[in-house]
């Protein structure tokens, strides 16, 4: 609860470096990297006599844990923006501290989960109980407090006090407080990774939508693990197209020291093209 102490509005950043996002359709809750827009801000409502909170989007709708399955046969259920006829347990979340992160738990034991991987899971938000080790971190969120609740000011002194107190000298113009500067959007710290999953021959379909994420670091092993987490694949080979020949080749060394974006092709270790790398 301490992450939300005195918080009036917050941003919630997922394990994928994306913010909990109120979609423009005023119904869906997703993830997005743009933390500067109002869609990434959620107003906090405290429930008196309880450790639970409610989160309200910029469309004045509550973050709601529904009973609608995200996909048939899957355990994850949809999280939406709603205005329920009455405020019940579906809009209540219990913040649970876990190190420097927080988990948001429903009254029925599920957790707010930021999904990764290929469509239809990418950027989706559900509530679920993670059962796989690879997705344990998907229920962790970082809390950015954007506004705080300002306590009421003390009542002014009585007229007797005012009369007995000498007037304060007026501050010179250069010492008077200036209006706060507008908040600047967060600057990315890392490089943008675009990736595609190839077929057995190493080809990528025309018109393929290349998903992306922000990666911090130059370690190829760490990047491979991150890509496996994003795609929910295992035993992949991270490749790139040669800038001159266009031929696919596997990355073997460290990543370039600069932070320029990269377009990578993921090859399954058991594929036909992977055998040509040996």
Protein backbone atom coordinates (compact mmCIF):
# COMPACT_ATOMS: atom_id res chain seq x y z
CA UNK A 1 0.00 0.00 0.00
CA UNK A 2 2.96 2.31 0.63
CA UNK A 3 3.53 2.77 -3.14
CA UNK A 4 0.13 4.47 -3.34
CA UNK A 5 0.38 6.39 -0.06
CA UNK A 6 -0.94 9.93 -0.67
CA UNK A 7 -1.05 9.23 -4.42
CA UNK A 8 -3.73 11.04 -6.42
CA UNK A 9 -2.76 9.70 -9.85
CA UNK A 10 -0.17 7.12 -10.95
CA UNK A 11 1.35 5.40 -13.94
CA UNK A 12 1.87 1.63 -13.79
CA UNK A 13 4.83 0.31 -15.79
CA UNK A 14 4.92 -3.39 -16.61
CA UNK A 15 7.82 -5.84 -16.82
CA UNK A 16 7.84 -5.16 -20.58
CA UNK A 17 8.63 -1.44 -20.01
CA UNK A 18 5.13 -0.49 -21.12
CA UNK A 19 2.47 1.48 -19.27
CA UNK A 20 -0.99 0.31 -18.30
CA UNK A 21 -3.03 2.09 -20.96
CA UNK A 22 -6.69 3.12 -21.22
CA UNK A 23 -7.51 2.51 -24.87
CA UNK A 24 -9.30 5.14 -26.95
CA UNK A 25 -12.27 2.80 -27.36
CA UNK A 26 -12.95 3.61 -23.66
CA UNK A 27 -13.36 -0.09 -22.94
CA UNK A 28 -10.06 -1.94 -23.42
CA UNK A 29 -7.07 -1.82 -21.08
CA UNK A 30 -3.76 -2.58 -22.82
CA UNK A 31 -0.05 -1.67 -22.62
CA UNK A 32 1.72 1.16 -24.43
CA UNK A 33 5.19 2.76 -24.31
CA UNK A 34 3.82 6.32 -24.40
CA UNK A 35 3.84 7.42 -20.78
CA UNK A 36 3.27 11.11 -21.54
CA UNK A 37 -0.39 10.93 -22.59
CA UNK A 38 -3.34 10.98 -20.15
CA UNK A 39 -4.22 7.41 -21.18
CA UNK A 40 -1.27 6.19 -19.07
CA UNK A 41 -2.51 7.94 -15.91
CA UNK A 42 -4.88 6.34 -13.43
CA UNK A 43 -6.58 8.17 -10.58
CA UNK A 44 -6.38 6.38 -7.25
CA UNK A 45 -9.44 5.98 -5.05
CA UNK A 46 -8.87 4.68 -1.52
CA UNK A 47 -11.52 2.49 0.08
CA UNK A 48 -12.12 3.53 3.67
CA UNK A 49 -11.28 0.84 6.22
CA UNK A 50 -9.67 -1.40 3.58
CA UNK A 51 -6.28 -1.99 1.97
CA UNK A 52 -7.95 -2.16 -1.46
CA UNK A 53 -7.89 0.65 -4.04
CA UNK A 54 -9.76 1.51 -7.22
CA UNK A 55 -8.08 2.82 -10.39
CA UNK A 56 -9.95 5.22 -12.67
CA UNK A 57 -8.93 5.95 -16.27
CA UNK A 58 -8.89 9.29 -18.07
CA UNK A 59 -12.35 8.32 -19.38
CA UNK A 60 -13.75 8.16 -15.80
CA UNK A 61 -14.05 4.39 -15.99
CA UNK A 62 -12.78 1.86 -13.48
CA UNK A 63 -10.15 -0.79 -14.12
CA UNK A 64 -12.29 -3.92 -13.84
CA UNK A 65 -11.47 -7.60 -13.45
CA UNK A 66 -14.20 -9.30 -15.50
CA UNK A 67 -15.22 -12.96 -15.69
CA UNK A 68 -14.91 -12.95 -19.51
CA UNK A 69 -12.21 -15.37 -20.76
CA UNK A 70 -9.58 -13.64 -22.88
CA UNK A 71 -9.38 -16.73 -25.12
CA UNK A 72 -11.53 -19.84 -24.93
CA UNK A 73 -9.71 -22.61 -23.12
CA UNK A 74 -7.24 -20.22 -21.44
CA UNK A 75 -7.23 -19.24 -17.77
CA UNK A 76 -6.64 -15.50 -18.28
CA UNK A 77 -9.69 -13.24 -18.08
CA UNK A 78 -10.26 -9.80 -19.58
CA UNK A 79 -9.48 -6.55 -17.76
CA UNK A 80 -11.64 -3.70 -19.04
CA UNK A 81 -12.63 -0.10 -18.33
CA UNK A 82 -16.20 -0.09 -17.04
CA UNK A 83 -18.74 1.96 -15.11
CA UNK A 84 -20.53 -0.70 -13.05
CA UNK A 85 -24.05 0.00 -11.75
CA UNK A 86 -22.56 -0.25 -8.27
CA UNK A 87 -18.98 -0.32 -7.05
CA UNK A 88 -18.33 -3.98 -6.23
CA UNK A 89 -15.27 -6.19 -5.76
CA UNK A 90 -14.59 -6.37 -9.53
CA UNK A 91 -13.13 -2.84 -9.43
CA UNK A 92 -11.10 -3.35 -6.25
CA UNK A 93 -7.37 -4.18 -6.29
CA UNK A 94 -5.08 -4.95 -3.38
CA UNK A 95 -1.52 -3.58 -3.78
CA UNK A 96 1.04 -6.14 -2.53
CA UNK A 97 4.64 -4.96 -2.23
CA UNK A 98 7.31 -7.25 -3.67
CA UNK A 99 10.73 -5.59 -3.42
CA UNK A 100 10.67 -2.44 -5.57
CA UNK A 101 7.55 -3.61 -7.42
CA UNK A 102 3.90 -4.07 -6.64
CA UNK A 103 1.39 -6.79 -7.51
CA UNK A 104 -2.29 -5.89 -7.86
CA UNK A 105 -4.50 -8.68 -6.55
CA UNK A 106 -8.25 -9.14 -6.98
CA UNK A 107 -10.47 -10.26 -4.10
CA UNK A 108 -10.46 -13.75 -5.64
CA UNK A 109 -6.70 -14.23 -5.77
CA UNK A 110 -5.90 -13.34 -9.39
CA UNK A 111 -3.25 -10.78 -10.33
CA UNK A 112 -3.21 -7.96 -12.89
CA UNK A 113 -0.97 -9.38 -15.61
CA UNK A 114 0.84 -7.65 -18.50
CA UNK A 115 1.09 -10.23 -21.28
CA UNK A 116 3.88 -10.56 -23.82
CA UNK A 117 4.50 -12.73 -26.86
CA UNK A 118 3.04 -12.71 -30.36
CA UNK A 119 -0.55 -11.65 -31.14
CA UNK A 120 -3.17 -11.97 -29.78
CA UNK A 121 -1.35 -11.85 -26.41
CA UNK A 122 1.05 -8.97 -27.15
CA UNK A 123 0.22 -5.76 -25.21
CA UNK A 124 -2.88 -7.35 -23.67
CA UNK A 125 -3.76 -7.10 -19.98
CA UNK A 126 -5.57 -9.90 -18.16
CA UNK A 127 -6.02 -11.11 -14.60
CA UNK A 128 -4.68 -14.55 -13.85
CA UNK A 129 -2.43 -16.66 -11.63
CA UNK A 130 0.91 -17.28 -13.39
CA UNK A 131 1.84 -20.96 -13.44
CA UNK A 132 4.96 -20.86 -15.65
CA UNK A 133 8.34 -19.60 -14.42
CA UNK A 134 8.89 -17.64 -17.65
CA UNK A 135 5.82 -15.49 -16.97
CA UNK A 136 6.18 -14.99 -13.21
CA UNK A 137 7.46 -11.41 -13.69
CA UNK A 138 4.46 -10.41 -15.80
CA UNK A 139 2.42 -9.59 -12.67
CA UNK A 140 5.02 -7.10 -11.35
CA UNK A 141 4.43 -3.36 -11.86
CA UNK A 142 6.46 -0.23 -11.12
CA UNK A 143 4.46 2.67 -9.70
CA UNK A 144 5.19 6.23 -10.86
CA UNK A 145 3.33 8.70 -8.64
CA UNK A 146 2.27 11.62 -10.87
CA UNK A 147 0.13 13.63 -8.40
CA UNK A 148 -0.15 13.55 -4.63
CA UNK A 149 -3.01 14.40 -2.31
CA UNK A 150 -2.21 17.72 -0.66
CA UNK A 151 -3.43 17.82 2.96
CA UNK A 152 -5.67 20.77 3.90
CA UNK A 153 -3.82 23.86 5.05
CA UNK A 154 -4.02 25.05 8.65
CA UNK A 155 -6.67 27.60 9.50
CA UNK A 156 -5.38 31.19 9.45
CA UNK A 157 -4.34 32.79 12.74
CA UNK A 158 -6.91 34.74 14.73
CA UNK A 159 -7.29 38.52 14.14
CA UNK A 160 -5.40 39.18 17.40
CA UNK A 161 -2.43 37.22 16.07
CA UNK A 162 -2.60 39.10 12.79
CA UNK A 163 -2.64 42.46 14.47
CA UNK A 164 0.25 41.59 16.78
CA UNK A 165 2.38 40.15 14.01
CA UNK A 166 4.46 42.59 11.97
CA UNK A 167 3.82 42.45 8.21
CA UNK A 168 6.23 40.25 6.27
CA UNK A 169 8.40 42.02 3.68
CA UNK A 170 7.46 41.26 0.10
CA UNK A 171 9.87 38.91 -1.66
CA UNK A 172 11.85 40.36 -4.57
CA UNK A 173 10.70 39.18 -8.01
CA UNK A 174 13.70 36.84 -8.50
CA UNK A 175 12.82 34.92 -5.30
CA UNK A 176 9.11 34.55 -6.02
CA UNK A 177 8.05 31.05 -7.07
CA UNK A 178 7.58 30.48 -10.76
CA UNK A 179 4.94 28.18 -12.25
CA UNK A 180 6.07 24.55 -12.64
CA UNK A 181 7.56 23.58 -15.96
CA UNK A 182 5.52 21.20 -18.11
CA UNK A 183 6.38 17.58 -17.62
CA UNK A 184 8.60 16.18 -20.33
CA UNK A 185 7.99 12.65 -21.59
CA UNK A 186 10.48 10.00 -20.39
CA UNK A 187 13.47 9.48 -22.65
CA UNK A 188 14.16 5.91 -23.77
CA UNK A 189 17.22 4.34 -22.14
CA UNK A 190 18.31 1.59 -24.52
CA UNK A 191 17.62 0.52 -28.09
CA UNK A 192 14.44 -0.45 -29.93
CA UNK A 193 14.45 -4.10 -31.01
CA UNK A 194 12.19 -5.07 -33.93
CA UNK A 195 11.79 -8.79 -34.46
CA UNK A 196 10.10 -11.32 -36.72
CA UNK A 197 9.70 -15.10 -36.48
CA UNK A 198 10.87 -16.89 -39.62
CA UNK A 199 9.57 -20.07 -41.21
CA UNK A 200 11.54 -23.29 -41.62
CA UNK A 201 13.58 -21.79 -44.47
CA UNK A 202 14.37 -18.55 -42.67
CA UNK A 203 11.89 -16.47 -44.63
CA UNK A 204 9.56 -13.82 -43.19
CA UNK A 205 6.15 -13.38 -44.76
CA UNK A 206 5.50 -10.19 -46.73
CA UNK A 207 3.46 -7.68 -44.76
CA UNK A 208 4.54 -9.17 -41.42
CA UNK A 209 3.96 -6.74 -38.55
CA UNK A 210 7.32 -6.46 -36.79
CA UNK A 211 6.66 -6.10 -33.04
CA UNK A 212 9.17 -4.16 -30.95
CA UNK A 213 10.33 -3.50 -27.41
CA UNK A 214 12.92 -1.39 -25.60
CA UNK A 215 16.06 -3.35 -24.65
CA UNK A 216 18.67 -2.04 -22.22
CA UNK A 217 22.12 -3.61 -22.57
CA UNK A 218 24.61 -5.06 -25.05
CA UNK A 219 24.52 -8.69 -23.93
CA UNK A 220 23.41 -11.18 -26.62
CA UNK A 221 22.48 -13.87 -24.08
CA UNK A 222 20.25 -11.44 -22.19
CA UNK A 223 18.65 -10.28 -25.46
CA UNK A 224 17.98 -13.90 -26.48
CA UNK A 225 16.28 -14.58 -23.14
CA UNK A 226 14.21 -11.41 -23.53
CA UNK A 227 13.11 -12.46 -27.03
CA UNK A 228 12.17 -15.92 -25.77
CA UNK A 229 10.10 -14.27 -23.07
CA UNK A 230 8.41 -11.90 -25.54
CA UNK A 231 7.56 -14.68 -28.01
CA UNK A 232 7.08 -17.58 -25.57
CA UNK A 233 9.46 -19.60 -27.79
CA UNK A 234 12.47 -21.64 -26.71
CA UNK A 235 15.74 -22.73 -28.37
CA UNK A 236 15.81 -19.79 -30.79
CA UNK A 237 18.73 -18.42 -32.80
CA UNK A 238 18.86 -14.62 -33.08
CA UNK A 239 19.76 -13.60 -36.63
CA UNK A 240 20.07 -10.53 -38.80
CA UNK A 241 20.17 -9.87 -42.53
CA UNK A 242 23.58 -8.97 -43.93
CA UNK A 243 23.48 -5.28 -44.99
CA UNK A 244 25.13 -6.04 -48.38
CA UNK A 245 23.95 -9.51 -49.41
CA UNK A 246 20.69 -9.65 -47.45
CA UNK A 247 21.61 -13.18 -46.41
CA UNK A 248 20.52 -14.35 -42.95
CA UNK A 249 23.32 -14.90 -40.43
CA UNK A 250 23.30 -15.68 -36.68
CA UNK A 251 24.55 -13.13 -34.16
CA UNK A 252 27.57 -14.53 -32.29
CA UNK A 253 29.22 -11.61 -30.49
CA UNK A 254 28.12 -8.66 -28.41
CA UNK A 255 25.63 -6.19 -29.79
CA UNK A 256 26.87 -2.92 -31.33
CA UNK A 257 27.94 -0.43 -28.61
CA UNK A 258 25.63 2.33 -29.89
CA UNK A 259 21.92 2.36 -29.14
CA UNK A 260 20.67 2.28 -32.73
CA UNK A 261 17.58 0.16 -33.37
CA UNK A 262 17.94 -3.37 -34.74
CA UNK A 263 15.77 -5.59 -36.95
CA UNK A 264 16.24 -9.23 -35.94
CA UNK A 265 14.91 -12.50 -37.32
CA UNK A 266 14.24 -15.37 -34.91
CA UNK A 267 14.99 -18.86 -36.17
CA UNK A 268 13.93 -22.05 -34.41
CA UNK A 269 16.92 -24.21 -33.44
CA UNK A 270 15.34 -27.26 -35.07
CA UNK A 271 14.56 -25.55 -38.39
CA UNK A 272 16.12 -26.32 -41.75
CA UNK A 273 17.86 -22.94 -41.96
CA UNK A 274 19.37 -23.40 -38.48
CA UNK A 275 21.21 -26.52 -39.69
CA UNK A 276 22.90 -24.44 -42.40
CA UNK A 277 24.53 -22.28 -39.70
CA UNK A 278 26.54 -25.21 -38.33
